[in-house]
Amino acid sequence: MIAAKAIAGGCLVVAFAMLSDRLKPKAVAGLFSGAPSVAITNLGLTAFAMGSGKTAVMATSMIAGGAGMVAFCAVAIALEQKVGAITSSALAWVSWAAVAGAVFWFFVQ
């Protein structure tokens, strides 16, 4: 299973890299880097091997983590100039944990 994830993930990383190479501006191309392709591969292989129940929990976790990352970025951007990098990073991490936990709890319950 791990070997299949590695091979399939690697193939999708290459495919997404080729897609991102074609996009303009290059700043947008980073959206199609490794993480989305690895997530898609992981979900596909988990669905195949373990069924839809486990896959649904994994997909919910990925959505919660994405929402938490948006909160992290928003807090870090808003606070970095005011309180400095270390404090804003710590507060942004707390906001990530709170938002990701809340989203996961809301959708899993």
PDB file of N, CA and C in Angstrom:
ATOM      1  N   MET A   1       0.821  -1.194   0.000  1.00  0.00           N
ATOM      2  CA  MET A   1       0.000   0.000   0.000  1.00  0.00           C
ATOM      3  C   MET A   1       0.867   1.261   0.000  1.00  0.00           C
ATOM      4  N   ILE A   2       1.926   1.265   0.821  1.00  0.00           N
ATOM      5  CA  ILE A   2       2.796   2.437   0.887  1.00  0.00           C
ATOM      6  C   ILE A   2       3.513   2.639  -0.449  1.00  0.00           C
ATOM      7  N   ALA A   3       3.958   1.560  -1.060  1.00  0.00           N
ATOM      8  CA  ALA A   3       4.633   1.678  -2.359  1.00  0.00           C
ATOM      9  C   ALA A   3       3.680   2.212  -3.423  1.00  0.00           C
ATOM     10  N   ALA A   4       2.439   1.751  -3.392  1.00  0.00           N
ATOM     11  CA  ALA A   4       1.455   2.238  -4.364  1.00  0.00           C
ATOM     12  C   ALA A   4       1.192   3.727  -4.162  1.00  0.00           C
ATOM     13  N   LYS A   5       1.103   4.168  -2.904  1.00  0.00           N
ATOM     14  CA  LYS A   5       0.917   5.593  -2.643  1.00  0.00           C
ATOM     15  C   LYS A   5       2.105   6.399  -3.134  1.00  0.00           C
ATOM     16  N   ALA A   6       3.309   5.886  -2.929  1.00  0.00           N
ATOM     17  CA  ALA A   6       4.507   6.609  -3.355  1.00  0.00           C
ATOM     18  C   ALA A   6       4.562   6.734  -4.872  1.00  0.00           C
ATOM     19  N   ILE A   7       4.292   5.661  -5.564  1.00  0.00           N
ATOM     20  CA  ILE A   7       4.355   5.686  -7.035  1.00  0.00           C
ATOM     21  C   ILE A   7       3.252   6.570  -7.603  1.00  0.00           C
ATOM     22  N   ALA A   8       2.015   6.365  -7.148  1.00  0.00           N
ATOM     23  CA  ALA A   8       0.907   7.163  -7.668  1.00  0.00           C
ATOM     24  C   ALA A   8       1.075   8.637  -7.299  1.00  0.00           C
ATOM     25  N   GLY A   9       1.487   8.910  -6.066  1.00  0.00           N
ATOM     26  CA  GLY A   9       1.715  10.296  -5.655  1.00  0.00           C
ATOM     27  C   GLY A   9       2.798  10.957  -6.476  1.00  0.00           C
ATOM     28  N   GLY A  10       3.886  10.232  -6.734  1.00  0.00           N
ATOM     29  CA  GLY A  10       4.968  10.777  -7.560  1.00  0.00           C
ATOM     30  C   GLY A  10       4.515  11.104  -8.967  1.00  0.00           C
ATOM     31  N   CYS A  11       3.716  10.224  -9.539  1.00  0.00           N
ATOM     32  CA  CYS A  11       3.200  10.475 -10.895  1.00  0.00           C
ATOM     33  C   CYS A  11       2.305  11.704 -10.925  1.00  0.00           C
ATOM     34  N   LEU A  12       1.444  11.851  -9.911  1.00  0.00           N
ATOM     35  CA  LEU A  12       0.580  13.026  -9.887  1.00  0.00           C
ATOM     36  C   LEU A  12       1.346  14.304  -9.575  1.00  0.00           C
ATOM     37  N   VAL A  13       2.381  14.209  -8.772  1.00  0.00           N
ATOM     38  CA  VAL A  13       3.215  15.394  -8.516  1.00  0.00           C
ATOM     39  C   VAL A  13       3.830  15.882  -9.824  1.00  0.00           C
ATOM     40  N   VAL A  14       4.326  14.956 -10.626  1.00  0.00           N
ATOM     41  CA  VAL A  14       4.905  15.325 -11.922  1.00  0.00           C
ATOM     42  C   VAL A  14       3.841  15.927 -12.822  1.00  0.00           C
ATOM     43  N   ALA A  15       2.650  15.344 -12.846  1.00  0.00           N
ATOM     44  CA  ALA A  15       1.575  15.878 -13.686  1.00  0.00           C
ATOM     45  C   ALA A  15       1.176  17.284 -13.253  1.00  0.00           C
ATOM     46  N   PHE A  16       1.026  17.498 -11.955  1.00  0.00           N
ATOM     47  CA  PHE A  16       0.685  18.831 -11.466  1.00  0.00           C
ATOM     48  C   PHE A  16       1.828  19.817 -11.699  1.00  0.00           C
ATOM     49  N   ALA A  17       3.052  19.362 -11.624  1.00  0.00           N
ATOM     50  CA  ALA A  17       4.194  20.244 -11.902  1.00  0.00           C
ATOM     51  C   ALA A  17       4.189  20.681 -13.360  1.00  0.00           C
ATOM     52  N   MET A  18       3.858  19.762 -14.257  1.00  0.00           N
ATOM     53  CA  MET A  18       3.780  20.131 -15.678  1.00  0.00           C
ATOM     54  C   MET A  18       2.646  21.117 -15.917  1.00  0.00           C
ATOM     55  N   LEU A  19       1.517  20.927 -15.219  1.00  0.00           N
ATOM     56  CA  LEU A  19       0.404  21.869 -15.339  1.00  0.00           C
ATOM     57  C   LEU A  19       0.808  23.239 -14.813  1.00  0.00           C
ATOM     58  N   SER A  20       1.464  23.274 -13.658  1.00  0.00           N
ATOM     59  CA  SER A  20       1.840  24.561 -13.072  1.00  0.00           C
ATOM     60  C   SER A  20       2.890  25.280 -13.900  1.00  0.00           C
ATOM     61  N   ASP A  21       3.692  24.534 -14.652  1.00  0.00           N
ATOM     62  CA  ASP A  21       4.692  25.149 -15.517  1.00  0.00           C
ATOM     63  C   ASP A  21       4.036  25.936 -16.648  1.00  0.00           C
ATOM     64  N   ARG A  22       2.843  25.541 -17.035  1.00  0.00           N
ATOM     65  CA  ARG A  22       2.119  26.210 -18.118  1.00  0.00           C
ATOM     66  C   ARG A  22       1.346  27.446 -17.655  1.00  0.00           C
ATOM     67  N   LEU A  23       1.115  27.571 -16.356  1.00  0.00           N
ATOM     68  CA  LEU A  23       0.281  28.660 -15.854  1.00  0.00           C
ATOM     69  C   LEU A  23       1.038  29.978 -15.777  1.00  0.00           C
ATOM     70  N   LYS A  24       0.311  31.041 -15.996  1.00  0.00           N
ATOM     71  CA  LYS A  24       0.828  32.392 -15.842  1.00  0.00           C
ATOM     72  C   LYS A  24      -0.107  33.131 -14.919  1.00  0.00           C
ATOM     73  N   PRO A  25       0.269  33.921 -13.996  1.00  0.00           N
ATOM     74  CA  PRO A  25       1.623  34.177 -13.538  1.00  0.00           C
ATOM     75  C   PRO A  25       2.145  33.008 -12.718  1.00  0.00           C
ATOM     76  N   LYS A  26       3.429  32.987 -12.567  1.00  0.00           N
ATOM     77  CA  LYS A  26       4.086  31.888 -11.861  1.00  0.00           C
ATOM     78  C   LYS A  26       3.707  31.841 -10.381  1.00  0.00           C
ATOM     79  N   ALA A  27       3.249  32.945  -9.820  1.00  0.00           N
ATOM     80  CA  ALA A  27       2.844  32.947  -8.420  1.00  0.00           C
ATOM     81  C   ALA A  27       1.644  32.032  -8.197  1.00  0.00           C
ATOM     82  N   VAL A  28       0.789  31.903  -9.191  1.00  0.00           N
ATOM     83  CA  VAL A  28      -0.378  31.045  -9.101  1.00  0.00           C
ATOM     84  C   VAL A  28       0.013  29.580  -9.277  1.00  0.00           C
ATOM     85  N   ALA A  29       1.098  29.335  -9.954  1.00  0.00           N
ATOM     86  CA  ALA A  29       1.512  27.969 -10.251  1.00  0.00           C
ATOM     87  C   ALA A  29       1.797  27.158  -8.997  1.00  0.00           C
ATOM     88  N   GLY A  30       2.183  27.811  -7.918  1.00  0.00           N
ATOM     89  CA  GLY A  30       2.469  27.099  -6.683  1.00  0.00           C
ATOM     90  C   GLY A  30       1.260  26.395  -6.089  1.00  0.00           C
ATOM     91  N   LEU A  31       0.057  26.834  -6.473  1.00  0.00           N
ATOM     92  CA  LEU A  31      -1.156  26.173  -5.992  1.00  0.00           C
ATOM     93  C   LEU A  31      -1.221  24.719  -6.433  1.00  0.00           C
ATOM     94  N   PHE A  32      -0.555  24.406  -7.522  1.00  0.00           N
ATOM     95  CA  PHE A  32      -0.609  23.060  -8.073  1.00  0.00           C
ATOM     96  C   PHE A  32       0.656  22.264  -7.774  1.00  0.00           C
ATOM     97  N   SER A  33       1.312  22.586  -6.689  1.00  0.00           N
ATOM     98  CA  SER A  33       2.512  21.837  -6.331  1.00  0.00           C
ATOM     99  C   SER A  33       2.129  20.511  -5.695  1.00  0.00           C
ATOM    100  N   GLY A  34       3.009  19.922  -4.932  1.00  0.00           N
ATOM    101  CA  GLY A  34       2.863  18.542  -4.479  1.00  0.00           C
ATOM    102  C   GLY A  34       1.673  18.211  -3.604  1.00  0.00           C
ATOM    103  N   ALA A  35       1.260  19.088  -2.710  1.00  0.00           N
ATOM    104  CA  ALA A  35       0.244  18.718  -1.721  1.00  0.00           C
ATOM    105  C   ALA A  35      -1.088  18.283  -2.325  1.00  0.00           C
ATOM    106  N   PRO A  36      -1.654  18.997  -3.298  1.00  0.00           N
ATOM    107  CA  PRO A  36      -2.941  18.534  -3.838  1.00  0.00           C
ATOM    108  C   PRO A  36      -2.850  17.162  -4.500  1.00  0.00           C
ATOM    109  N   SER A  37      -1.788  16.922  -5.217  1.00  0.00           N
ATOM    110  CA  SER A  37      -1.677  15.636  -5.908  1.00  0.00           C
ATOM    111  C   SER A  37      -1.480  14.494  -4.928  1.00  0.00           C
ATOM    112  N   VAL A  38      -0.723  14.722  -3.875  1.00  0.00           N
ATOM    113  CA  VAL A  38      -0.529  13.688  -2.860  1.00  0.00           C
ATOM    114  C   VAL A  38      -1.843  13.433  -2.120  1.00  0.00           C
ATOM    115  N   ALA A  39      -2.603  14.478  -1.834  1.00  0.00           N
ATOM    116  CA  ALA A  39      -3.887  14.318  -1.152  1.00  0.00           C
ATOM    117  C   ALA A  39      -4.859  13.517  -2.014  1.00  0.00           C
ATOM    118  N   ILE A  40      -4.935  13.832  -3.292  1.00  0.00           N
ATOM    119  CA  ILE A  40      -5.826  13.106  -4.194  1.00  0.00           C
ATOM    120  C   ILE A  40      -5.432  11.642  -4.273  1.00  0.00           C
ATOM    121  N   THR A  41      -4.155  11.386  -4.400  1.00  0.00           N
ATOM    122  CA  THR A  41      -3.677  10.002  -4.462  1.00  0.00           C
ATOM    123  C   THR A  41      -3.986   9.266  -3.168  1.00  0.00           C
ATOM    124  N   ASN A  42      -3.726   9.906  -2.058  1.00  0.00           N
ATOM    125  CA  ASN A  42      -3.979   9.289  -0.763  1.00  0.00           C
ATOM    126  C   ASN A  42      -5.462   8.950  -0.599  1.00  0.00           C
ATOM    127  N   LEU A  43      -6.342   9.873  -0.972  1.00  0.00           N
ATOM    128  CA  LEU A  43      -7.778   9.608  -0.866  1.00  0.00           C
ATOM    129  C   LEU A  43      -8.208   8.476  -1.793  1.00  0.00           C
ATOM    130  N   GLY A  44      -7.700   8.490  -3.001  1.00  0.00           N
ATOM    131  CA  GLY A  44      -8.065   7.438  -3.958  1.00  0.00           C
ATOM    132  C   GLY A  44      -7.637   6.055  -3.503  1.00  0.00           C
ATOM    133  N   LEU A  45      -6.404   5.939  -3.071  1.00  0.00           N
ATOM    134  CA  LEU A  45      -5.914   4.638  -2.624  1.00  0.00           C
ATOM    135  C   LEU A  45      -6.564   4.199  -1.318  1.00  0.00           C
ATOM    136  N   THR A  46      -6.880   5.139  -0.444  1.00  0.00           N
ATOM    137  CA  THR A  46      -7.574   4.783   0.792  1.00  0.00           C
ATOM    138  C   THR A  46      -8.991   4.299   0.488  1.00  0.00           C
ATOM    139  N   ALA A  47      -9.658   4.964  -0.430  1.00  0.00           N
ATOM    140  CA  ALA A  47     -10.999   4.523  -0.826  1.00  0.00           C
ATOM    141  C   ALA A  47     -10.956   3.117  -1.411  1.00  0.00           C
ATOM    142  N   PHE A  48      -9.955   2.864  -2.215  1.00  0.00           N
ATOM    143  CA  PHE A  48      -9.814   1.541  -2.825  1.00  0.00           C
ATOM    144  C   PHE A  48      -9.512   0.474  -1.781  1.00  0.00           C
ATOM    145  N   ALA A  49      -8.629   0.765  -0.845  1.00  0.00           N
ATOM    146  CA  ALA A  49      -8.170  -0.245   0.112  1.00  0.00           C
ATOM    147  C   ALA A  49      -9.058  -0.376   1.345  1.00  0.00           C
ATOM    148  N   MET A  50      -9.618   0.738   1.820  1.00  0.00           N
ATOM    149  CA  MET A  50     -10.310   0.698   3.120  1.00  0.00           C
ATOM    150  C   MET A  50     -11.771   1.098   3.069  1.00  0.00           C
ATOM    151  N   GLY A  51     -12.249   1.537   1.948  1.00  0.00           N
ATOM    152  CA  GLY A  51     -13.659   1.891   1.848  1.00  0.00           C
ATOM    153  C   GLY A  51     -13.926   3.374   2.030  1.00  0.00           C
ATOM    154  N   SER A  52     -15.177   3.721   1.810  1.00  0.00           N
ATOM    155  CA  SER A  52     -15.549   5.135   1.797  1.00  0.00           C
ATOM    156  C   SER A  52     -15.623   5.756   3.190  1.00  0.00           C
ATOM    157  N   GLY A  53     -15.881   4.969   4.221  1.00  0.00           N
ATOM    158  CA  GLY A  53     -15.973   5.530   5.574  1.00  0.00           C
ATOM    159  C   GLY A  53     -14.675   6.173   6.027  1.00  0.00           C
ATOM    160  N   LYS A  54     -13.581   5.452   5.883  1.00  0.00           N
ATOM    161  CA  LYS A  54     -12.259   5.973   6.262  1.00  0.00           C
ATOM    162  C   LYS A  54     -11.876   7.144   5.359  1.00  0.00           C
ATOM    163  N   THR A  55     -12.223   7.045   4.082  1.00  0.00           N
ATOM    164  CA  THR A  55     -11.901   8.116   3.133  1.00  0.00           C
ATOM    165  C   THR A  55     -12.655   9.396   3.484  1.00  0.00           C
ATOM    166  N   ALA A  56     -13.899   9.273   3.912  1.00  0.00           N
ATOM    167  CA  ALA A  56     -14.682  10.459   4.278  1.00  0.00           C
ATOM    168  C   ALA A  56     -14.056  11.179   5.467  1.00  0.00           C
ATOM    169  N   VAL A  57     -13.580  10.424   6.443  1.00  0.00           N
ATOM    170  CA  VAL A  57     -12.928  11.047   7.601  1.00  0.00           C
ATOM    171  C   VAL A  57     -11.641  11.739   7.169  1.00  0.00           C
ATOM    172  N   MET A  58     -10.879  11.109   6.286  1.00  0.00           N
ATOM    173  CA  MET A  58      -9.639  11.729   5.798  1.00  0.00           C
ATOM    174  C   MET A  58      -9.933  13.005   5.021  1.00  0.00           C
ATOM    175  N   ALA A  59     -10.965  12.980   4.167  1.00  0.00           N
ATOM    176  CA  ALA A  59     -11.321  14.172   3.392  1.00  0.00           C
ATOM    177  C   ALA A  59     -11.771  15.301   4.311  1.00  0.00           C
ATOM    178  N   THR A  60     -12.546  14.967   5.330  1.00  0.00           N
ATOM    179  CA  THR A  60     -12.977  15.978   6.303  1.00  0.00           C
ATOM    180  C   THR A  60     -11.778  16.574   7.029  1.00  0.00           C
ATOM    181  N   SER A  61     -10.831  15.731   7.366  1.00  0.00           N
ATOM    182  CA  SER A  61      -9.618  16.219   8.033  1.00  0.00           C
ATOM    183  C   SER A  61      -8.838  17.165   7.133  1.00  0.00           C
ATOM    184  N   MET A  62      -8.767  16.845   5.849  1.00  0.00           N
ATOM    185  CA  MET A  62      -8.063  17.719   4.904  1.00  0.00           C
ATOM    186  C   MET A  62      -8.772  19.058   4.760  1.00  0.00           C
ATOM    187  N   ILE A  63     -10.098  19.044   4.721  1.00  0.00           N
ATOM    188  CA  ILE A  63     -10.863  20.292   4.640  1.00  0.00           C
ATOM    189  C   ILE A  63     -10.660  21.122   5.897  1.00  0.00           C
ATOM    190  N   ALA A  64     -10.691  20.475   7.046  1.00  0.00           N
ATOM    191  CA  ALA A  64     -10.470  21.186   8.311  1.00  0.00           C
ATOM    192  C   ALA A  64      -9.073  21.799   8.349  1.00  0.00           C
ATOM    193  N   GLY A  65      -8.078  21.050   7.911  1.00  0.00           N
ATOM    194  CA  GLY A  65      -6.718  21.578   7.871  1.00  0.00           C
ATOM    195  C   GLY A  65      -6.585  22.757   6.921  1.00  0.00           C
ATOM    196  N   GLY A  66      -7.280  22.703   5.787  1.00  0.00           N
ATOM    197  CA  GLY A  66      -7.261  23.823   4.845  1.00  0.00           C
ATOM    198  C   GLY A  66      -7.907  25.069   5.422  1.00  0.00           C
ATOM    199  N   ALA A  67      -9.031  24.893   6.108  1.00  0.00           N
ATOM    200  CA  ALA A  67      -9.687  26.038   6.755  1.00  0.00           C
ATOM    201  C   ALA A  67      -8.787  26.617   7.844  1.00  0.00           C
ATOM    202  N   GLY A  68      -8.123  25.735   8.575  1.00  0.00           N
ATOM    203  CA  GLY A  68      -7.186  26.204   9.593  1.00  0.00           C
ATOM    204  C   GLY A  68      -6.024  26.975   8.986  1.00  0.00           C
ATOM    205  N   MET A  69      -5.555  26.535   7.836  1.00  0.00           N
ATOM    206  CA  MET A  69      -4.448  27.231   7.173  1.00  0.00           C
ATOM    207  C   MET A  69      -4.869  28.633   6.724  1.00  0.00           C
ATOM    208  N   VAL A  70      -6.100  28.774   6.259  1.00  0.00           N
ATOM    209  CA  VAL A  70      -6.597  30.105   5.896  1.00  0.00           C
ATOM    210  C   VAL A  70      -6.615  31.006   7.126  1.00  0.00           C
ATOM    211  N   ALA A  71      -7.082  30.471   8.250  1.00  0.00           N
ATOM    212  CA  ALA A  71      -7.087  31.253   9.489  1.00  0.00           C
ATOM    213  C   ALA A  71      -5.663  31.613   9.910  1.00  0.00           C
ATOM    214  N   PHE A  72      -4.747  30.651   9.809  1.00  0.00           N
ATOM    215  CA  PHE A  72      -3.344  30.899  10.153  1.00  0.00           C
ATOM    216  C   PHE A  72      -2.800  32.064   9.332  1.00  0.00           C
ATOM    217  N   CYS A  73      -3.007  32.018   8.028  1.00  0.00           N
ATOM    218  CA  CYS A  73      -2.476  33.075   7.154  1.00  0.00           C
ATOM    219  C   CYS A  73      -3.092  34.431   7.475  1.00  0.00           C
ATOM    220  N   ALA A  74      -4.402  34.448   7.706  1.00  0.00           N
ATOM    221  CA  ALA A  74      -5.068  35.717   8.004  1.00  0.00           C
ATOM    222  C   ALA A  74      -4.539  36.326   9.303  1.00  0.00           C
ATOM    223  N   VAL A  75      -4.390  35.510  10.326  1.00  0.00           N
ATOM    224  CA  VAL A  75      -3.891  36.015  11.611  1.00  0.00           C
ATOM    225  C   VAL A  75      -2.431  36.446  11.487  1.00  0.00           C
ATOM    226  N   ALA A  76      -1.628  35.653  10.810  1.00  0.00           N
ATOM    227  CA  ALA A  76      -0.212  35.997  10.663  1.00  0.00           C
ATOM    228  C   ALA A  76      -0.032  37.307   9.900  1.00  0.00           C
ATOM    229  N   ILE A  77      -0.798  37.489   8.844  1.00  0.00           N
ATOM    230  CA  ILE A  77      -0.707  38.730   8.064  1.00  0.00           C
ATOM    231  C   ILE A  77      -1.155  39.928   8.897  1.00  0.00           C
ATOM    232  N   ALA A  78      -2.250  39.747   9.630  1.00  0.00           N
ATOM    233  CA  ALA A  78      -2.796  40.862  10.411  1.00  0.00           C
ATOM    234  C   ALA A  78      -1.889  41.265  11.580  1.00  0.00           C
ATOM    235  N   LEU A  79      -1.201  40.309  12.194  1.00  0.00           N
ATOM    236  CA  LEU A  79      -0.456  40.605  13.416  1.00  0.00           C
ATOM    237  C   LEU A  79       1.049  40.792  13.242  1.00  0.00           C
ATOM    238  N   GLU A  80       1.618  40.351  12.145  1.00  0.00           N
ATOM    239  CA  GLU A  80       3.080  40.334  12.027  1.00  0.00           C
ATOM    240  C   GLU A  80       3.711  41.711  12.190  1.00  0.00           C
ATOM    241  N   GLN A  81       3.147  42.712  11.595  1.00  0.00           N
ATOM    242  CA  GLN A  81       3.709  44.067  11.703  1.00  0.00           C
ATOM    243  C   GLN A  81       3.491  44.670  13.090  1.00  0.00           C
ATOM    244  N   LYS A  82       2.453  44.216  13.772  1.00  0.00           N
ATOM    245  CA  LYS A  82       2.106  44.809  15.065  1.00  0.00           C
ATOM    246  C   LYS A  82       2.874  44.192  16.230  1.00  0.00           C
ATOM    247  N   VAL A  83       3.020  42.862  16.244  1.00  0.00           N
ATOM    248  CA  VAL A  83       3.591  42.207  17.419  1.00  0.00           C
ATOM    249  C   VAL A  83       4.865  41.419  17.124  1.00  0.00           C
ATOM    250  N   GLY A  84       5.283  41.351  15.876  1.00  0.00           N
ATOM    251  CA  GLY A  84       6.508  40.640  15.533  1.00  0.00           C
ATOM    252  C   GLY A  84       6.245  39.230  15.035  1.00  0.00           C
ATOM    253  N   ALA A  85       7.277  38.646  14.481  1.00  0.00           N
ATOM    254  CA  ALA A  85       7.144  37.357  13.808  1.00  0.00           C
ATOM    255  C   ALA A  85       6.869  36.207  14.774  1.00  0.00           C
ATOM    256  N   ILE A  86       7.573  36.154  15.877  1.00  0.00           N
ATOM    257  CA  ILE A  86       7.431  35.006  16.780  1.00  0.00           C
ATOM    258  C   ILE A  86       6.052  35.007  17.438  1.00  0.00           C
ATOM    259  N   THR A  87       5.626  36.134  17.950  1.00  0.00           N
ATOM    260  CA  THR A  87       4.317  36.211  18.605  1.00  0.00           C
ATOM    261  C   THR A  87       3.196  35.983  17.607  1.00  0.00           C
ATOM    262  N   SER A  88       3.301  36.597  16.423  1.00  0.00           N
ATOM    263  CA  SER A  88       2.240  36.408  15.431  1.00  0.00           C
ATOM    264  C   SER A  88       2.190  34.961  14.949  1.00  0.00           C
ATOM    265  N   SER A  89       3.340  34.307  14.830  1.00  0.00           N
ATOM    266  CA  SER A  89       3.350  32.896  14.439  1.00  0.00           C
ATOM    267  C   SER A  89       2.693  32.026  15.496  1.00  0.00           C
ATOM    268  N   ALA A  90       2.978  32.308  16.752  1.00  0.00           N
ATOM    269  CA  ALA A  90       2.366  31.535  17.842  1.00  0.00           C
ATOM    270  C   ALA A  90       0.851  31.725  17.871  1.00  0.00           C
ATOM    271  N   LEU A  91       0.408  32.966  17.742  1.00  0.00           N
ATOM    272  CA  LEU A  91      -1.030  33.228  17.740  1.00  0.00           C
ATOM    273  C   LEU A  91      -1.695  32.655  16.495  1.00  0.00           C
ATOM    274  N   ALA A  92      -0.992  32.703  15.374  1.00  0.00           N
ATOM    275  CA  ALA A  92      -1.538  32.116  14.152  1.00  0.00           C
ATOM    276  C   ALA A  92      -1.674  30.605  14.290  1.00  0.00           C
ATOM    277  N   TRP A  93      -0.701  29.970  14.955  1.00  0.00           N
ATOM    278  CA  TRP A  93      -0.793  28.530  15.169  1.00  0.00           C
ATOM    279  C   TRP A  93      -1.992  28.191  16.043  1.00  0.00           C
ATOM    280  N   VAL A  94      -2.225  28.987  17.075  1.00  0.00           N
ATOM    281  CA  VAL A  94      -3.390  28.764  17.939  1.00  0.00           C
ATOM    282  C   VAL A  94      -4.675  28.919  17.128  1.00  0.00           C
ATOM    283  N   SER A  95      -4.716  29.923  16.255  1.00  0.00           N
ATOM    284  CA  SER A  95      -5.915  30.107  15.428  1.00  0.00           C
ATOM    285  C   SER A  95      -6.099  28.934  14.472  1.00  0.00           C
ATOM    286  N   TRP A  96      -4.994  28.398  13.938  1.00  0.00           N
ATOM    287  CA  TRP A  96      -5.094  27.224  13.077  1.00  0.00           C
ATOM    288  C   TRP A  96      -5.701  26.053  13.849  1.00  0.00           C
ATOM    289  N   ALA A  97      -5.188  25.800  15.043  1.00  0.00           N
ATOM    290  CA  ALA A  97      -5.690  24.679  15.843  1.00  0.00           C
ATOM    291  C   ALA A  97      -7.164  24.866  16.190  1.00  0.00           C
ATOM    292  N   ALA A  98      -7.550  26.079  16.546  1.00  0.00           N
ATOM    293  CA  ALA A  98      -8.942  26.336  16.919  1.00  0.00           C
ATOM    294  C   ALA A  98      -9.879  26.154  15.730  1.00  0.00           C
ATOM    295  N   VAL A  99      -9.523  26.726  14.585  1.00  0.00           N
ATOM    296  CA  VAL A  99     -10.392  26.628  13.413  1.00  0.00           C
ATOM    297  C   VAL A  99     -10.433  25.203  12.876  1.00  0.00           C
ATOM    298  N   ALA A 100      -9.273  24.573  12.733  1.00  0.00           N
ATOM    299  CA  ALA A 100      -9.254  23.201  12.224  1.00  0.00           C
ATOM    300  C   ALA A 100     -10.006  22.265  13.159  1.00  0.00           C
ATOM    301  N   GLY A 101      -9.808  22.426  14.457  1.00  0.00           N
ATOM    302  CA  GLY A 101     -10.523  21.591  15.421  1.00  0.00           C
ATOM    303  C   GLY A 101     -12.024  21.812  15.371  1.00  0.00           C
ATOM    304  N   ALA A 102     -12.440  23.076  15.270  1.00  0.00           N
ATOM    305  CA  ALA A 102     -13.866  23.387  15.211  1.00  0.00           C
ATOM    306  C   ALA A 102     -14.508  22.831  13.942  1.00  0.00           C
ATOM    307  N   VAL A 103     -13.847  23.006  12.808  1.00  0.00           N
ATOM    308  CA  VAL A 103     -14.390  22.487  11.549  1.00  0.00           C
ATOM    309  C   VAL A 103     -14.471  20.961  11.596  1.00  0.00           C
ATOM    310  N   PHE A 104     -13.424  20.320  12.070  1.00  0.00           N
ATOM    311  CA  PHE A 104     -13.436  18.865  12.155  1.00  0.00           C
ATOM    312  C   PHE A 104     -14.534  18.390  13.099  1.00  0.00           C
ATOM    313  N   TRP A 105     -14.638  19.018  14.274  1.00  0.00           N
ATOM    314  CA  TRP A 105     -15.656  18.622  15.247  1.00  0.00           C
ATOM    315  C   TRP A 105     -17.056  18.834  14.689  1.00  0.00           C
ATOM    316  N   PHE A 106     -17.275  19.962  14.012  1.00  0.00           N
ATOM    317  CA  PHE A 106     -18.603  20.280  13.470  1.00  0.00           C
ATOM    318  C   PHE A 106     -19.019  19.260  12.415  1.00  0.00           C
ATOM    319  N   PHE A 107     -18.106  18.883  11.521  1.00  0.00           N
ATOM    320  CA  PHE A 107     -18.460  17.980  10.447  1.00  0.00           C
ATOM    321  C   PHE A 107     -18.451  16.516  10.835  1.00  0.00           C
ATOM    322  N   VAL A 108     -17.671  16.152  11.843  1.00  0.00           N
ATOM    323  CA  VAL A 108     -17.631  14.754  12.259  1.00  0.00           C
ATOM    324  C   VAL A 108     -18.807  14.431  13.173  1.00  0.00           C
ATOM    325  N   GLN A 109     -19.252  15.396  13.972  1.00  0.00           N
ATOM    326  CA  GLN A 109     -20.364  15.148  14.889  1.00  0.00           C
ATOM    327  C   GLN A 109     -21.635  14.913  14.149  1.00  0.00           C
TER     328      GLN A 109
END
